[in-house]
Amino acid sequence: MKILEITTDFPCKNMCSYCPQKLLIENYKGRPTLTHYAFLKMLESVPKDVILNFAGFCEPFQNPECSNFIVMADRLGYKIKVLTTLVGFTEDDAFKIKDIKFDRFYVHDIGQPKDYPFVTESMTDAEYAPFITSRAGALWEVPEKPFGECKAQGNCSDAVALPNGDLYCCMDYGLTRKLGNIFKMNFNDIPRLTEFELCKFCEYNQ
């Protein structure tokens, strides 16, 4: 699978204990919010066989336009995933996306109310426990290991786009190695890095 993770806003207000937002806040430069125009511009560089994952480095529904982005992407023929805490998700959002057949719709449990009143039956595969990692050593010390193959999504086929278009590995919360900018390049031209410093501390390095 080829996946582009979409970060719709910045910084994330949830401040989950398992997400090193401090690193992102210290290092991110550029527009904080993905706009309607910027999202459409982004899709010009993303082939239809790429799954769009509304997740990235922030709660996607923190941006009130997120459900509109999902609807646009669905109409254009993209497969769609969502990873959300449902913080910011409204009844209006639920109405807009109720008929979309998601590839996956994950709900992360961060201690929010558990009734999820607006989640519909079409939002299948809901899961209520995030997969916790050290975020490649960003949250706790991990032993260094030899370079291997990235198992995040195939061989480094998962990139995260920030609102300014900059692209990073899904574990690069310190934004140490920019892969390019989706507004200036095609998704298929993103370099698939598997041997840089971050990889030696990442749980996905196998």
C-alpha atoms as a PDB file:
ATOM      1  CA  MET A   1       0.000   0.000   0.000  1.00  0.00           C
ATOM      2  CA  LYS A   2       1.029   3.585  -0.660  1.00  0.00           C
ATOM      3  CA  ILE A   3      -0.254   5.986   1.953  1.00  0.00           C
ATOM      4  CA  LEU A   4      -0.153   9.738   2.418  1.00  0.00           C
ATOM      5  CA  GLU A   5      -0.987  10.864   5.932  1.00  0.00           C
ATOM      6  CA  ILE A   6      -2.686  14.259   6.040  1.00  0.00           C
ATOM      7  CA  THR A   7      -1.969  16.587   8.963  1.00  0.00           C
ATOM      8  CA  THR A   8      -4.895  18.997   8.843  1.00  0.00           C
ATOM      9  CA  ASP A   9      -3.880  21.372  11.636  1.00  0.00           C
ATOM     10  CA  PHE A  10      -1.070  22.265  14.025  1.00  0.00           C
ATOM     11  CA  PRO A  11      -0.341  21.906  16.894  1.00  0.00           C
ATOM     12  CA  CYS A  12      -2.604  19.187  18.260  1.00  0.00           C
ATOM     13  CA  LYS A  13      -4.695  20.327  21.228  1.00  0.00           C
ATOM     14  CA  ASN A  14      -5.021  16.820  22.682  1.00  0.00           C
ATOM     15  CA  MET A  15      -1.395  16.678  23.867  1.00  0.00           C
ATOM     16  CA  CYS A  16      -1.576  12.898  24.360  1.00  0.00           C
ATOM     17  CA  SER A  17       1.125  11.418  26.557  1.00  0.00           C
ATOM     18  CA  TYR A  18       2.174   9.043  23.767  1.00  0.00           C
ATOM     19  CA  CYS A  19       2.668  11.835  21.186  1.00  0.00           C
ATOM     20  CA  PRO A  20       5.817  14.038  21.325  1.00  0.00           C
ATOM     21  CA  GLN A  21       4.066  17.277  20.350  1.00  0.00           C
ATOM     22  CA  LYS A  22       6.777  19.364  22.040  1.00  0.00           C
ATOM     23  CA  LEU A  23       9.257  18.297  19.363  1.00  0.00           C
ATOM     24  CA  LEU A  24       6.853  19.293  16.608  1.00  0.00           C
ATOM     25  CA  ILE A  25       6.098  22.663  18.176  1.00  0.00           C
ATOM     26  CA  GLU A  26       9.795  23.409  18.497  1.00  0.00           C
ATOM     27  CA  ASN A  27      10.600  22.537  14.890  1.00  0.00           C
ATOM     28  CA  TYR A  28       7.613  23.164  12.632  1.00  0.00           C
ATOM     29  CA  LYS A  29       7.576  26.312  10.512  1.00  0.00           C
ATOM     30  CA  GLY A  30       4.774  27.347   8.202  1.00  0.00           C
ATOM     31  CA  ARG A  31       1.011  27.670   8.030  1.00  0.00           C
ATOM     32  CA  PRO A  32      -0.747  26.028  11.000  1.00  0.00           C
ATOM     33  CA  THR A  33      -3.965  25.021   9.222  1.00  0.00           C
ATOM     34  CA  LEU A  34      -4.570  23.166   5.966  1.00  0.00           C
ATOM     35  CA  THR A  35      -6.929  25.216   3.793  1.00  0.00           C
ATOM     36  CA  HIS A  36      -9.466  24.092   1.198  1.00  0.00           C
ATOM     37  CA  TYR A  37      -7.295  25.451  -1.631  1.00  0.00           C
ATOM     38  CA  ALA A  38      -4.101  23.898  -0.256  1.00  0.00           C
ATOM     39  CA  PHE A  39      -5.761  20.490   0.108  1.00  0.00           C
ATOM     40  CA  LEU A  40      -6.928  20.488  -3.518  1.00  0.00           C
ATOM     41  CA  LYS A  41      -3.456  21.629  -4.601  1.00  0.00           C
ATOM     42  CA  MET A  42      -1.967  18.752  -2.609  1.00  0.00           C
ATOM     43  CA  LEU A  43      -4.160  16.188  -4.372  1.00  0.00           C
ATOM     44  CA  GLU A  44      -2.877  17.330  -7.775  1.00  0.00           C
ATOM     45  CA  SER A  45       0.369  15.549  -6.866  1.00  0.00           C
ATOM     46  CA  VAL A  46      -1.163  12.397  -5.380  1.00  0.00           C
ATOM     47  CA  PRO A  47      -2.108   9.480  -7.700  1.00  0.00           C
ATOM     48  CA  LYS A  48      -5.448   7.761  -7.140  1.00  0.00           C
ATOM     49  CA  ASP A  49      -3.813   4.509  -5.994  1.00  0.00           C
ATOM     50  CA  VAL A  50      -2.485   6.276  -2.882  1.00  0.00           C
ATOM     51  CA  ILE A  51      -4.610   5.866   0.260  1.00  0.00           C
ATOM     52  CA  LEU A  52      -5.274   9.147   2.065  1.00  0.00           C
ATOM     53  CA  ASN A  53      -4.971   8.736   5.823  1.00  0.00           C
ATOM     54  CA  PHE A  54      -6.437  11.628   7.811  1.00  0.00           C
ATOM     55  CA  ALA A  55      -4.160  11.371  10.825  1.00  0.00           C
ATOM     56  CA  GLY A  56      -0.583  12.594  10.654  1.00  0.00           C
ATOM     57  CA  PHE A  57       0.743  14.619  13.553  1.00  0.00           C
ATOM     58  CA  CYS A  58      -2.576  16.051  14.789  1.00  0.00           C
ATOM     59  CA  GLU A  59      -6.191  15.173  15.547  1.00  0.00           C
ATOM     60  CA  PRO A  60      -7.710  15.563  12.044  1.00  0.00           C
ATOM     61  CA  PHE A  61     -11.105  16.929  13.153  1.00  0.00           C
ATOM     62  CA  GLN A  62      -9.391  19.756  14.988  1.00  0.00           C
ATOM     63  CA  ASN A  63      -9.599  21.423  11.574  1.00  0.00           C
ATOM     64  CA  PRO A  64     -13.327  22.131  11.014  1.00  0.00           C
ATOM     65  CA  GLU A  65     -12.806  21.561   7.274  1.00  0.00           C
ATOM     66  CA  CYS A  66     -11.695  17.950   7.764  1.00  0.00           C
ATOM     67  CA  SER A  67     -15.028  16.355   6.886  1.00  0.00           C
ATOM     68  CA  ASN A  68     -15.173  18.498   3.740  1.00  0.00           C
ATOM     69  CA  PHE A  69     -11.686  17.264   2.786  1.00  0.00           C
ATOM     70  CA  ILE A  70     -12.839  13.662   3.266  1.00  0.00           C
ATOM     71  CA  VAL A  71     -15.897  14.207   1.077  1.00  0.00           C
ATOM     72  CA  MET A  72     -13.791  15.795  -1.675  1.00  0.00           C
ATOM     73  CA  ALA A  73     -11.257  12.983  -1.582  1.00  0.00           C
ATOM     74  CA  ASP A  74     -14.006  10.357  -1.745  1.00  0.00           C
ATOM     75  CA  ARG A  75     -15.635  12.041  -4.747  1.00  0.00           C
ATOM     76  CA  LEU A  76     -12.267  12.102  -6.506  1.00  0.00           C
ATOM     77  CA  GLY A  77     -11.935   8.339  -6.049  1.00  0.00           C
ATOM     78  CA  TYR A  78      -9.373   7.995  -3.263  1.00  0.00           C
ATOM     79  CA  LYS A  79      -9.496   5.285  -0.623  1.00  0.00           C
ATOM     80  CA  ILE A  80      -9.648   6.876   2.801  1.00  0.00           C
ATOM     81  CA  LYS A  81      -8.480   6.037   6.292  1.00  0.00           C
ATOM     82  CA  VAL A  82      -9.109   8.062   9.431  1.00  0.00           C
ATOM     83  CA  LEU A  83      -7.272   7.882  12.756  1.00  0.00           C
ATOM     84  CA  THR A  84      -9.056  10.077  15.272  1.00  0.00           C
ATOM     85  CA  THR A  85      -9.843  10.679  18.922  1.00  0.00           C
ATOM     86  CA  LEU A  86     -13.165  12.224  17.759  1.00  0.00           C
ATOM     87  CA  VAL A  87     -12.218  15.400  19.614  1.00  0.00           C
ATOM     88  CA  GLY A  88     -13.730  18.167  17.503  1.00  0.00           C
ATOM     89  CA  PHE A  89     -15.970  15.723  15.617  1.00  0.00           C
ATOM     90  CA  THR A  90     -19.529  17.071  15.349  1.00  0.00           C
ATOM     91  CA  GLU A  91     -22.966  15.897  14.306  1.00  0.00           C
ATOM     92  CA  ASP A  92     -22.538  17.929  11.118  1.00  0.00           C
ATOM     93  CA  ASP A  93     -19.288  16.067  10.364  1.00  0.00           C
ATOM     94  CA  ALA A  94     -21.069  12.747  10.889  1.00  0.00           C
ATOM     95  CA  PHE A  95     -23.846  13.730   8.485  1.00  0.00           C
ATOM     96  CA  LYS A  96     -21.359  14.710   5.768  1.00  0.00           C
ATOM     97  CA  ILE A  97     -19.355  11.474   5.875  1.00  0.00           C
ATOM     98  CA  LYS A  98     -22.041   8.954   6.897  1.00  0.00           C
ATOM     99  CA  ASP A  99     -22.185   7.253   3.485  1.00  0.00           C
ATOM    100  CA  ILE A 100     -18.452   6.997   2.852  1.00  0.00           C
ATOM    101  CA  LYS A 101     -17.019   3.478   2.802  1.00  0.00           C
ATOM    102  CA  PHE A 102     -13.804   3.983   4.723  1.00  0.00           C
ATOM    103  CA  ASP A 103     -10.845   1.693   4.215  1.00  0.00           C
ATOM    104  CA  ARG A 104     -10.403   2.010   7.993  1.00  0.00           C
ATOM    105  CA  PHE A 105     -11.835   4.308  10.674  1.00  0.00           C
ATOM    106  CA  TYR A 106      -9.818   4.053  13.881  1.00  0.00           C
ATOM    107  CA  VAL A 107     -10.911   5.701  17.119  1.00  0.00           C
ATOM    108  CA  HIS A 108      -8.139   6.315  19.645  1.00  0.00           C
ATOM    109  CA  ASP A 109      -9.088   6.186  23.304  1.00  0.00           C
ATOM    110  CA  ILE A 110      -7.540   9.093  25.242  1.00  0.00           C
ATOM    111  CA  GLY A 111     -10.062   9.081  28.068  1.00  0.00           C
ATOM    112  CA  GLN A 112     -12.788  11.005  26.233  1.00  0.00           C
ATOM    113  CA  PRO A 113     -16.494  10.053  26.738  1.00  0.00           C
ATOM    114  CA  LYS A 114     -17.151   6.604  25.311  1.00  0.00           C
ATOM    115  CA  ASP A 115     -20.643   7.017  23.852  1.00  0.00           C
ATOM    116  CA  TYR A 116     -19.401   8.517  20.538  1.00  0.00           C
ATOM    117  CA  PRO A 117     -22.944   9.652  19.682  1.00  0.00           C
ATOM    118  CA  PHE A 118     -22.230  10.544  16.062  1.00  0.00           C
ATOM    119  CA  VAL A 119     -20.284   7.461  14.950  1.00  0.00           C
ATOM    120  CA  THR A 120     -22.332   5.577  12.356  1.00  0.00           C
ATOM    121  CA  GLU A 121     -22.345   1.948  11.238  1.00  0.00           C
ATOM    122  CA  SER A 122     -20.429   2.867   8.081  1.00  0.00           C
ATOM    123  CA  MET A 123     -17.422   3.761  10.233  1.00  0.00           C
ATOM    124  CA  THR A 124     -16.229   0.194  10.529  1.00  0.00           C
ATOM    125  CA  ASP A 125     -13.123  -1.210  12.203  1.00  0.00           C
ATOM    126  CA  ALA A 126     -13.245   1.255  15.079  1.00  0.00           C
ATOM    127  CA  GLU A 127     -10.475   0.510  17.549  1.00  0.00           C
ATOM    128  CA  TYR A 128     -10.136   1.995  20.972  1.00  0.00           C
ATOM    129  CA  ALA A 129      -6.505   1.510  21.912  1.00  0.00           C
ATOM    130  CA  PRO A 130      -3.607   3.224  20.142  1.00  0.00           C
ATOM    131  CA  PHE A 131      -0.490   1.247  19.246  1.00  0.00           C
ATOM    132  CA  ILE A 132       2.068   2.774  21.603  1.00  0.00           C
ATOM    133  CA  THR A 133       5.681   3.088  20.515  1.00  0.00           C
ATOM    134  CA  SER A 134       8.605   5.223  21.666  1.00  0.00           C
ATOM    135  CA  ARG A 135       8.191   7.310  18.485  1.00  0.00           C
ATOM    136  CA  ALA A 136      11.681   6.268  17.441  1.00  0.00           C
ATOM    137  CA  GLY A 137      13.167   7.151  20.810  1.00  0.00           C
ATOM    138  CA  ALA A 138      11.386  10.494  21.173  1.00  0.00           C
ATOM    139  CA  LEU A 139       9.390   9.449  24.259  1.00  0.00           C
ATOM    140  CA  TRP A 140      11.743   7.094  26.077  1.00  0.00           C
ATOM    141  CA  GLU A 141      15.219   5.728  25.587  1.00  0.00           C
ATOM    142  CA  VAL A 142      15.489   2.720  23.303  1.00  0.00           C
ATOM    143  CA  PRO A 143      18.538   0.668  22.319  1.00  0.00           C
ATOM    144  CA  GLU A 144      20.180   1.363  19.004  1.00  0.00           C
ATOM    145  CA  LYS A 145      19.880  -1.409  16.422  1.00  0.00           C
ATOM    146  CA  PRO A 146      21.205  -2.113  12.923  1.00  0.00           C
ATOM    147  CA  PHE A 147      19.435  -0.778   9.871  1.00  0.00           C
ATOM    148  CA  GLY A 148      16.710  -3.054   8.565  1.00  0.00           C
ATOM    149  CA  GLU A 149      13.602  -2.775   6.440  1.00  0.00           C
ATOM    150  CA  CYS A 150      10.890  -0.281   7.354  1.00  0.00           C
ATOM    151  CA  LYS A 151       7.688  -2.128   8.235  1.00  0.00           C
ATOM    152  CA  ALA A 152       5.518   0.953   8.809  1.00  0.00           C
ATOM    153  CA  GLN A 153       3.689   0.556   5.500  1.00  0.00           C
ATOM    154  CA  GLY A 154       5.713  -1.629   3.202  1.00  0.00           C
ATOM    155  CA  ASN A 155       9.150  -0.223   2.437  1.00  0.00           C
ATOM    156  CA  CYS A 156       8.831   3.349   3.702  1.00  0.00           C
ATOM    157  CA  SER A 157       5.715   3.941   1.615  1.00  0.00           C
ATOM    158  CA  ASP A 158       4.006   6.012   4.322  1.00  0.00           C
ATOM    159  CA  ALA A 159       4.750   9.749   4.320  1.00  0.00           C
ATOM    160  CA  VAL A 160       3.188  12.492   6.436  1.00  0.00           C
ATOM    161  CA  ALA A 161       2.241  15.825   4.857  1.00  0.00           C
ATOM    162  CA  LEU A 162       2.113  18.892   7.103  1.00  0.00           C
ATOM    163  CA  PRO A 163      -0.151  21.893   6.359  1.00  0.00           C
ATOM    164  CA  ASN A 164       2.730  23.666   4.566  1.00  0.00           C
ATOM    165  CA  GLY A 165       3.213  20.635   2.298  1.00  0.00           C
ATOM    166  CA  ASP A 166       6.467  19.415   3.850  1.00  0.00           C
ATOM    167  CA  LEU A 167       6.807  15.628   3.929  1.00  0.00           C
ATOM    168  CA  TYR A 168       8.333  13.510   6.679  1.00  0.00           C
ATOM    169  CA  CYS A 169       8.620   9.909   7.819  1.00  0.00           C
ATOM    170  CA  CYS A 170       5.674   8.940  10.034  1.00  0.00           C
ATOM    171  CA  MET A 171       7.973   8.706  13.091  1.00  0.00           C
ATOM    172  CA  ASP A 172       9.960  11.906  12.484  1.00  0.00           C
ATOM    173  CA  TYR A 173       8.335  14.058  15.151  1.00  0.00           C
ATOM    174  CA  GLY A 174      11.506  16.139  15.442  1.00  0.00           C
ATOM    175  CA  LEU A 175      11.255  16.954  11.704  1.00  0.00           C
ATOM    176  CA  THR A 176      14.907  16.060  11.264  1.00  0.00           C
ATOM    177  CA  ARG A 177      14.838  14.805   7.669  1.00  0.00           C
ATOM    178  CA  LYS A 178      12.464  16.456   5.213  1.00  0.00           C
ATOM    179  CA  LEU A 179      11.603  14.194   2.293  1.00  0.00           C
ATOM    180  CA  GLY A 180      10.328  16.988   0.068  1.00  0.00           C
ATOM    181  CA  ASN A 181       7.182  19.056  -0.359  1.00  0.00           C
ATOM    182  CA  ILE A 182       3.966  17.662  -1.841  1.00  0.00           C
ATOM    183  CA  PHE A 183       3.144  21.007  -3.459  1.00  0.00           C
ATOM    184  CA  LYS A 184       6.369  20.776  -5.469  1.00  0.00           C
ATOM    185  CA  MET A 185       6.671  17.076  -6.304  1.00  0.00           C
ATOM    186  CA  ASN A 186       4.649  13.988  -7.145  1.00  0.00           C
ATOM    187  CA  PHE A 187       3.983  11.485  -4.384  1.00  0.00           C
ATOM    188  CA  ASN A 188       5.760   8.773  -6.390  1.00  0.00           C
ATOM    189  CA  ASP A 189       8.962  10.853  -6.349  1.00  0.00           C
ATOM    190  CA  ILE A 190       9.225  10.944  -2.554  1.00  0.00           C
ATOM    191  CA  PRO A 191      12.533   9.298  -1.573  1.00  0.00           C
ATOM    192  CA  ARG A 192      12.005   6.124   0.435  1.00  0.00           C
ATOM    193  CA  LEU A 193      14.602   6.478   3.143  1.00  0.00           C
ATOM    194  CA  THR A 194      15.369   3.426   5.248  1.00  0.00           C
ATOM    195  CA  GLU A 195      18.845   4.237   6.470  1.00  0.00           C
ATOM    196  CA  PHE A 196      19.046   7.495   8.375  1.00  0.00           C
ATOM    197  CA  GLU A 197      19.659   8.119  12.059  1.00  0.00           C
ATOM    198  CA  LEU A 198      16.013   7.925  13.109  1.00  0.00           C
ATOM    199  CA  CYS A 199      15.640   4.400  11.672  1.00  0.00           C
ATOM    200  CA  LYS A 200      18.092   2.950  14.199  1.00  0.00           C
ATOM    201  CA  PHE A 201      15.696   3.762  17.051  1.00  0.00           C
ATOM    202  CA  CYS A 202      12.348   3.048  15.392  1.00  0.00           C
ATOM    203  CA  GLU A 203      10.165   0.092  16.346  1.00  0.00           C
ATOM    204  CA  TYR A 204       9.212  -0.264  12.678  1.00  0.00           C
ATOM    205  CA  ASN A 205      12.845  -0.964  11.739  1.00  0.00           C
ATOM    206  CA  GLN A 206      12.976  -4.760  11.363  1.00  0.00           C
END
